N, C-alpha and C. Protein backbone atom coordinates (compact mmCIF):
# COMPACT_ATOMS: atom_id res chain seq x y z
N UNK A 1 -34.42 21.20 13.52
CA UNK A 1 -33.79 20.07 14.29
C UNK A 1 -33.47 18.92 13.06
N UNK A 2 -34.58 18.67 12.38
CA UNK A 2 -34.45 17.59 11.17
C UNK A 2 -33.48 18.13 10.15
N UNK A 3 -33.43 19.32 9.91
CA UNK A 3 -32.50 19.84 8.86
C UNK A 3 -31.06 19.64 9.37
N UNK A 4 -30.86 19.75 10.65
CA UNK A 4 -29.49 19.65 11.26
C UNK A 4 -29.03 18.25 11.23
N UNK A 5 -29.85 17.23 11.47
CA UNK A 5 -29.60 15.94 11.50
C UNK A 5 -29.44 15.57 10.17
N UNK A 6 -30.17 15.98 9.06
CA UNK A 6 -30.07 15.60 7.67
C UNK A 6 -28.67 16.08 7.17
N UNK A 7 -28.20 17.33 7.49
CA UNK A 7 -27.10 17.99 7.16
C UNK A 7 -25.86 17.21 7.83
N UNK A 8 -25.94 16.73 8.93
CA UNK A 8 -24.85 15.83 9.66
C UNK A 8 -24.71 14.53 8.89
N UNK A 9 -25.88 13.88 8.77
CA UNK A 9 -25.73 12.46 7.91
C UNK A 9 -25.15 12.68 6.70
N UNK A 10 -25.48 13.78 5.84
CA UNK A 10 -25.07 14.02 4.59
C UNK A 10 -23.47 14.22 4.64
N UNK A 11 -23.02 14.89 5.50
CA UNK A 11 -21.52 15.09 5.83
C UNK A 11 -20.86 13.67 5.94
N UNK A 12 -21.34 12.90 6.79
CA UNK A 12 -20.92 11.81 7.18
C UNK A 12 -20.80 10.88 5.99
N UNK A 13 -21.65 10.82 5.09
CA UNK A 13 -21.84 9.90 3.97
C UNK A 13 -20.85 10.55 3.02
N UNK A 14 -20.55 11.80 2.90
CA UNK A 14 -19.58 12.33 1.85
C UNK A 14 -18.08 11.90 2.44
N UNK A 15 -17.88 12.11 3.72
CA UNK A 15 -16.60 11.83 4.25
C UNK A 15 -16.32 10.36 4.12
N UNK A 16 -17.25 9.43 4.44
CA UNK A 16 -16.94 8.00 4.16
C UNK A 16 -16.83 7.71 2.71
N UNK A 17 -17.45 8.31 1.75
CA UNK A 17 -17.11 8.26 0.34
C UNK A 17 -15.88 8.64 0.05
N UNK A 18 -15.28 9.82 0.54
CA UNK A 18 -13.91 10.22 0.26
C UNK A 18 -13.01 9.21 0.67
N UNK A 19 -13.06 8.64 1.91
CA UNK A 19 -12.14 7.57 2.34
C UNK A 19 -12.20 6.23 1.37
N UNK A 20 -13.34 5.95 1.10
CA UNK A 20 -13.37 4.83 0.06
C UNK A 20 -12.64 5.01 -1.19
N UNK A 21 -12.97 6.30 -1.71
CA UNK A 21 -12.26 6.70 -2.99
C UNK A 21 -10.78 6.79 -2.89
N UNK A 22 -10.38 7.26 -1.80
CA UNK A 22 -9.10 7.34 -1.49
C UNK A 22 -8.35 5.96 -1.44
N UNK A 23 -8.97 5.07 -0.67
CA UNK A 23 -8.46 3.74 -0.68
C UNK A 23 -8.42 2.91 -1.81
N UNK A 24 -9.46 3.11 -2.68
CA UNK A 24 -9.43 2.45 -3.92
C UNK A 24 -8.30 3.20 -4.97
N UNK A 25 -8.02 4.39 -4.92
CA UNK A 25 -6.95 5.10 -5.50
C UNK A 25 -5.56 4.52 -5.20
N UNK A 26 -5.36 4.22 -3.95
CA UNK A 26 -4.04 3.65 -3.38
C UNK A 26 -4.07 2.28 -3.92
N UNK A 27 -5.07 1.57 -3.88
CA UNK A 27 -5.05 0.10 -4.59
C UNK A 27 -4.71 0.13 -5.88
N UNK A 28 -5.33 1.02 -6.72
CA UNK A 28 -5.01 1.08 -8.07
C UNK A 28 -3.61 1.48 -8.33
N UNK A 29 -3.19 2.21 -7.64
CA UNK A 29 -1.65 2.73 -7.62
C UNK A 29 -0.64 1.63 -7.36
N UNK A 30 -1.04 0.73 -6.40
CA UNK A 30 -0.01 -0.30 -6.02
C UNK A 30 -0.08 -1.34 -6.94
N UNK A 31 -1.41 -1.62 -7.81
CA UNK A 31 -1.43 -2.42 -8.74
C UNK A 31 -0.62 -2.06 -10.05
N UNK A 32 -0.67 -0.69 -10.27
CA UNK A 32 0.10 -0.12 -11.35
C UNK A 32 1.61 -0.19 -11.05
N UNK A 33 1.99 -0.03 -9.76
CA UNK A 33 3.56 -0.23 -9.43
C UNK A 33 3.79 -1.60 -9.65
N UNK A 34 3.02 -2.58 -9.27
CA UNK A 34 3.28 -3.99 -9.44
C UNK A 34 3.53 -4.42 -11.04
N UNK A 35 2.64 -3.78 -11.89
CA UNK A 35 2.77 -4.20 -13.22
C UNK A 35 4.00 -3.43 -13.85
N UNK A 36 4.32 -2.34 -13.37
CA UNK A 36 5.41 -1.62 -14.01
C UNK A 36 6.86 -2.34 -13.38
N UNK A 37 6.82 -2.72 -12.13
CA UNK A 37 8.13 -3.58 -11.83
C UNK A 37 8.17 -4.87 -12.41
N UNK A 38 7.12 -5.66 -12.86
CA UNK A 38 7.05 -6.89 -13.52
C UNK A 38 7.45 -6.47 -14.95
N UNK A 39 7.19 -5.42 -15.54
CA UNK A 39 7.62 -5.19 -16.78
C UNK A 39 8.99 -4.91 -16.90
N UNK A 40 9.63 -4.23 -15.76
CA UNK A 40 11.01 -3.93 -15.88
C UNK A 40 11.97 -5.17 -15.67
N UNK A 41 11.47 -6.09 -15.24
CA UNK A 41 12.15 -7.44 -15.09
C UNK A 41 12.09 -8.13 -16.24
């Protein structure tokens, strides 16, 4: 039972981490696009 709970918690942390990294990647991409657009002007 403890092993199942530990595995479930580990999966939740991994999924939360993936969402955080995905969000950070999107933010960095938006910042890059803003810099690129400013350079074109």
